[in-house]
């Protein structure tokens, strides 16, 4: 395996990487590798293709994600509104 050391990283970049890693529940190392693989359009080390659409997709903030989780947890998905299918 290869190793890479990044020197004199801007504090804003480090904070953004930490936030990204926290949002996805991963390490800084895995977050950095994932971001690099996505940016360069290559497969990850385990062979999974990176989602090329991610640069076009938005992400939810932590507050928005919590709101979405609350909505999904409270929603009654057993009911179907027939008007939605016309």
Foldseek 3Di string as FASTA:
>chain_A
DDDDDDPPDDPVVVVVLVQQCVVVVHDSVVSVQLVVCQVVQHAGPVRHGRPVCVVVDDDDDPVRVVVVVVCVVPDDPVDDDVVVVD
